[in-house]
Protein backbone atom coordinates (compact mmCIF):
# COMPACT_ATOMS: atom_id res chain seq x y z
CA UNK A 1 122.95 104.06 113.09
CA UNK A 2 119.66 102.90 114.10
CA UNK A 3 116.77 103.66 111.70
CA UNK A 4 112.99 102.35 112.42
CA UNK A 5 109.38 102.59 111.01
CA UNK A 6 106.12 102.29 113.13
CA UNK A 7 102.94 102.88 112.25
CA UNK A 8 101.85 104.26 115.60
CA UNK A 9 98.24 104.39 115.19
CA UNK A 10 97.72 108.17 116.81
CA UNK A 11 100.86 109.71 118.45
CA UNK A 12 98.94 111.61 120.85
CA UNK A 13 97.16 108.37 122.30
CA UNK A 14 100.63 106.75 122.20
CA UNK A 15 103.19 109.39 123.38
CA UNK A 16 104.43 107.95 126.46
CA UNK A 17 105.03 104.25 124.80
CA UNK A 18 106.72 106.31 121.86
CA UNK A 19 109.29 108.34 124.18
CA UNK A 20 109.70 105.28 126.49
CA UNK A 21 110.52 103.14 123.30
CA UNK A 22 112.79 105.81 121.78
CA UNK A 23 115.02 106.01 125.01
CA UNK A 24 115.11 102.14 125.42
CA UNK A 25 115.86 101.45 122.04
CA UNK A 26 118.51 103.51 120.87
CA UNK A 27 116.89 104.85 117.60
CA UNK A 28 118.62 107.80 115.79
CA UNK A 29 115.81 107.88 112.97
CA UNK A 30 112.13 106.81 113.22
CA UNK A 31 109.62 107.23 110.45
CA UNK A 32 106.19 107.16 111.86
CA UNK A 33 102.81 107.11 110.28
CA UNK A 34 99.10 107.47 111.16
CA UNK A 35 99.92 110.33 113.64
CA UNK A 36 96.24 111.60 113.71
CA UNK A 37 97.31 114.91 114.91
CA UNK A 38 97.63 118.40 113.23
CA UNK A 39 101.02 119.48 112.80
CA UNK A 40 100.53 121.90 115.71
CA UNK A 41 99.53 119.39 118.04
CA UNK A 42 102.68 117.22 117.19
CA UNK A 43 104.90 116.61 120.31
CA UNK A 44 107.78 118.50 119.38
CA UNK A 45 108.77 120.00 122.64
CA UNK A 46 108.63 116.55 124.02
CA UNK A 47 110.67 115.19 121.45
CA UNK A 48 112.82 118.20 121.61
CA UNK A 49 113.99 117.41 125.33
CA UNK A 50 114.80 114.00 124.30
CA UNK A 51 117.41 115.46 121.66
CA UNK A 52 115.06 114.71 118.65
CA UNK A 53 113.54 117.07 115.95
CA UNK A 54 110.72 116.53 113.39
CA UNK A 55 109.49 116.89 109.92
CA UNK A 56 105.94 116.51 110.03
CA UNK A 57 102.99 116.30 107.33
CA UNK A 58 99.58 116.06 109.44
CA UNK A 59 96.03 117.54 109.38
CA UNK A 60 94.42 116.01 112.18
CA UNK A 61 92.45 113.41 110.60
CA UNK A 62 93.23 109.31 110.34
CA UNK A 63 96.67 110.12 108.29
CA UNK A 64 99.77 111.71 109.27
CA UNK A 65 103.41 111.01 108.83
CA UNK A 66 106.74 111.93 110.45
CA UNK A 67 110.48 111.78 110.30
CA UNK A 68 112.11 112.03 113.93
CA UNK A 69 115.90 112.42 113.98
CA UNK A 70 118.24 112.81 116.70
CA UNK A 71 120.98 112.89 113.78
CA UNK A 72 119.92 115.78 111.70
CA UNK A 73 116.96 116.94 109.58
CA UNK A 74 117.83 118.70 106.11
CA UNK A 75 116.41 119.10 102.82
CA UNK A 76 112.52 118.19 104.12
CA UNK A 77 109.90 117.78 101.52
CA UNK A 78 106.78 117.65 102.82
CA UNK A 79 103.99 115.48 100.64
CA UNK A 80 104.73 113.38 97.78
CA UNK A 81 105.70 115.38 94.22
CA UNK A 82 102.61 114.20 91.87
CA UNK A 83 100.31 113.31 94.27
CA UNK A 84 97.02 112.27 92.48
CA UNK A 85 94.77 113.08 95.38
CA UNK A 86 91.67 111.37 96.34
CA UNK A 87 88.44 113.28 95.67
CA UNK A 88 90.45 116.43 95.03
CA UNK A 89 92.15 116.46 98.16
CA UNK A 90 95.95 115.48 98.78
CA UNK A 91 96.47 113.42 101.83
CA UNK A 92 99.28 113.88 104.14
CA UNK A 93 100.88 110.48 103.58
CA UNK A 94 104.18 111.16 102.81
CA UNK A 95 107.42 113.38 104.05
CA UNK A 96 110.97 112.69 103.24
CA UNK A 97 114.32 114.13 104.94
CA UNK A 98 118.18 113.58 105.19
CA UNK A 99 119.38 112.58 108.42
CA UNK A 100 123.04 112.48 108.59
CA UNK A 101 124.43 110.18 106.17
CA UNK A 102 120.91 108.67 104.98
CA UNK A 103 117.98 109.96 103.09
CA UNK A 104 114.65 108.40 104.08
CA UNK A 105 110.89 108.76 103.17
CA UNK A 106 108.10 107.89 105.89
CA UNK A 107 105.01 107.01 103.74
CA UNK A 108 101.53 105.74 104.59
CA UNK A 109 99.92 104.22 101.62
CA UNK A 110 96.35 104.70 100.86
CA UNK A 111 94.57 101.28 102.13
CA UNK A 112 92.49 101.07 99.24
CA UNK A 113 89.42 99.91 101.13
CA UNK A 114 87.95 97.17 98.60
CA UNK A 115 88.75 95.99 95.22
CA UNK A 116 87.21 98.08 92.54
CA UNK A 117 86.87 101.23 95.11
CA UNK A 118 87.96 104.38 93.89
CA UNK A 119 90.22 104.39 96.92
CA UNK A 120 91.86 101.03 95.25
CA UNK A 121 92.40 103.15 92.01
CA UNK A 122 93.87 105.88 94.12
CA UNK A 123 96.20 103.71 95.97
CA UNK A 124 97.48 102.17 92.62
CA UNK A 125 97.93 106.04 91.16
CA UNK A 126 99.72 106.59 94.39
CA UNK A 127 102.18 104.22 94.03
CA UNK A 128 102.90 105.23 90.68
CA UNK A 129 103.36 108.94 91.99
CA UNK A 130 105.62 107.28 94.61
CA UNK A 131 108.10 105.56 92.02
CA UNK A 132 108.60 108.70 89.96
CA UNK A 133 109.38 110.41 93.28
CA UNK A 134 111.98 108.22 94.39
CA UNK A 135 113.41 106.98 91.59
CA UNK A 136 116.43 109.45 91.60
CA UNK A 137 117.50 109.12 95.01
CA UNK A 138 116.92 105.26 94.44
CA UNK A 139 119.58 104.98 91.88
CA UNK A 140 121.96 107.27 93.62
CA UNK A 141 125.07 106.70 95.68
CA UNK A 142 123.68 108.16 98.88
CA UNK A 143 122.19 105.47 101.50
CA UNK A 144 118.34 105.84 101.03
CA UNK A 145 115.30 104.28 101.78
CA UNK A 146 111.50 104.33 101.88
CA UNK A 147 109.86 103.33 105.01
CA UNK A 148 106.52 103.03 106.26
CA UNK A 149 103.10 101.40 106.20
CA UNK A 150 102.60 100.51 102.38
CA UNK A 151 99.46 98.48 103.24
CA UNK A 152 100.40 95.48 100.81
CA UNK A 153 102.03 92.17 101.91
CA UNK A 154 104.58 91.55 99.22
CA UNK A 155 104.10 87.67 98.93
CA UNK A 156 101.87 85.10 100.06
CA UNK A 157 103.95 83.83 102.90
CA UNK A 158 103.54 87.45 104.54
CA UNK A 159 100.17 86.96 105.68
CA UNK A 160 99.06 84.22 107.92
CA UNK A 161 96.31 82.53 105.62
CA UNK A 162 96.38 83.88 101.78
CA UNK A 163 93.16 82.26 101.26
CA UNK A 164 91.47 84.26 104.18
CA UNK A 165 92.38 87.72 102.22
CA UNK A 166 90.88 86.21 98.84
CA UNK A 167 89.42 88.98 96.97
CA UNK A 168 90.52 91.68 99.26
CA UNK A 169 93.00 94.52 99.01
CA UNK A 170 96.70 94.10 100.11
CA UNK A 171 97.29 91.01 98.40
CA UNK A 172 96.01 91.45 94.83
CA UNK A 173 98.52 90.89 91.87
CA UNK A 174 97.98 95.12 90.96
CA UNK A 175 99.16 95.91 94.38
CA UNK A 176 102.05 93.50 94.27
CA UNK A 177 102.70 94.40 90.94
CA UNK A 178 103.07 98.19 92.13
CA UNK A 179 105.57 96.86 94.42
CA UNK A 180 107.54 95.28 92.23
CA UNK A 181 107.71 98.32 90.10
CA UNK A 182 108.86 100.38 92.92
CA UNK A 183 111.66 97.88 93.86
CA UNK A 184 112.64 98.29 89.87
CA UNK A 185 113.83 101.88 90.59
CA UNK A 186 116.64 100.07 92.52
CA UNK A 187 115.16 99.48 95.97
CA UNK A 188 115.54 95.97 98.17
CA UNK A 189 113.07 94.74 100.48
CA UNK A 190 115.21 94.76 103.68
CA UNK A 191 113.06 91.97 105.24
CA UNK A 192 113.53 91.80 109.31
CA UNK A 193 114.01 89.16 111.40
CA UNK A 194 110.75 88.13 113.50
CA UNK A 195 112.29 87.27 116.94
CA UNK A 196 109.52 84.90 117.35
CA UNK A 197 107.56 82.50 115.31
CA UNK A 198 108.58 82.06 111.65
CA UNK A 199 107.33 85.06 109.81
CA UNK A 200 108.49 88.75 110.63
CA UNK A 201 104.61 90.00 110.70
CA UNK A 202 104.31 93.43 111.47
CA UNK A 203 100.55 93.82 111.90
CA UNK A 204 97.71 91.98 113.80
CA UNK A 205 94.37 93.32 114.00
CA UNK A 206 92.83 94.28 117.27
CA UNK A 207 89.97 91.78 116.96
CA UNK A 208 89.73 88.21 117.47
CA UNK A 209 92.88 87.75 119.45
CA UNK A 210 94.97 88.07 116.06
CA UNK A 211 98.00 89.16 117.92
CA UNK A 212 97.81 86.25 120.70
CA UNK A 213 97.34 83.71 117.70
CA UNK A 214 99.97 85.36 115.50
CA UNK A 215 97.44 86.27 113.01
CA UNK A 216 99.33 88.71 111.21
CA UNK A 217 100.68 90.54 108.37
CA UNK A 218 104.17 91.80 107.03
CA UNK A 219 102.65 95.43 105.59
CA UNK A 220 105.07 97.68 107.42
CA UNK A 221 108.53 97.89 104.87
CA UNK A 222 112.02 99.23 104.52
CA UNK A 223 112.95 99.45 101.05
CA UNK A 224 116.47 100.45 100.63
CA UNK A 225 118.58 101.49 97.52
CA UNK A 226 122.16 99.43 97.13
CA UNK A 227 124.05 101.69 99.31
CA UNK A 228 121.17 101.39 101.99
CA UNK A 229 121.21 97.47 101.58
CA UNK A 230 124.90 96.85 101.80
CA UNK A 231 125.12 98.90 105.00
CA UNK A 232 122.51 96.84 106.87
CA UNK A 233 124.02 94.98 109.75
CA UNK A 234 120.60 93.66 111.30
CA UNK A 235 116.67 94.28 111.04
CA UNK A 236 114.11 93.18 113.22
CA UNK A 237 110.53 93.47 114.34
CA UNK A 238 110.02 94.68 117.78
CA UNK A 239 107.18 92.56 118.81
CA UNK A 240 107.65 93.36 122.36
CA UNK A 241 105.91 96.79 121.59
CA UNK A 242 102.80 95.18 120.24
CA UNK A 243 102.27 93.69 123.65
CA UNK A 244 100.14 95.21 126.73
CA UNK A 245 97.51 97.84 127.04
CA UNK A 246 97.25 100.71 124.64
CA UNK A 247 99.60 99.06 121.90
CA UNK A 248 99.25 100.03 118.30
CA UNK A 249 98.27 97.29 116.08
CA UNK A 250 101.71 97.82 114.42
CA UNK A 251 105.11 96.92 115.57
CA UNK A 252 108.21 98.68 115.08
CA UNK A 253 110.53 97.81 112.21
CA UNK A 254 114.11 98.33 113.23
CA UNK A 255 117.20 98.40 110.76
CA UNK A 256 120.90 98.90 112.34
CA UNK A 257 123.14 100.38 109.40
CA UNK A 258 126.81 100.23 109.73
CA UNK A 259 127.25 103.68 108.74
CA UNK A 260 128.83 106.65 110.86
CA UNK A 261 126.26 108.77 112.25
């Protein structure tokens, strides 16, 4: 069974790339983030023609998440229970579903903007709500994973130059402590192979030739429980999908599980 996560940075703008990638990659379940469309604009018809169904949480702005599956879609939960909201609004940043033998969450963690900003406080509170929401499944016997754009690099080696990010979000002790607390529920960081270079970065800024210079970050993560982690046969960053005109600034992270579909 092949599961992946991909911040697609507008599913409408990158629909041809998405459909082509699904066809060639053989992915069974894909968690996507930053759909940037309403639920009504989501490409259900095109995906259905390829044998996929989707659970979507989207409102048309810069957020939006989905779980796309060709192995079943059940027990869908739209939104994050206990979501603290930002400025009185609960943003579409989480959706979960059971896909065959595996339960997954697709999450788009708040960016935080800058240290000390209200959005940074919201980010940390959102992590607390996520921890509470997934704790039961994380400790359970069924393969379970929280996949998505976490907007945090777990360690210094997960950014091209930690000094470059000094004083900025994504690398602060508080954010990394929130990740560690999430793992303490029973989740493991499934670190993918990079395929090229020595670090499995998943995001490269569009500016300053960041991708060809490999000035990247590993912020798209797969956190799986014990049953999920034990079933992992392989994991890698599909760096090729970051290449070319019209690519997202993130690459898909792909995980192969040795479980029956």
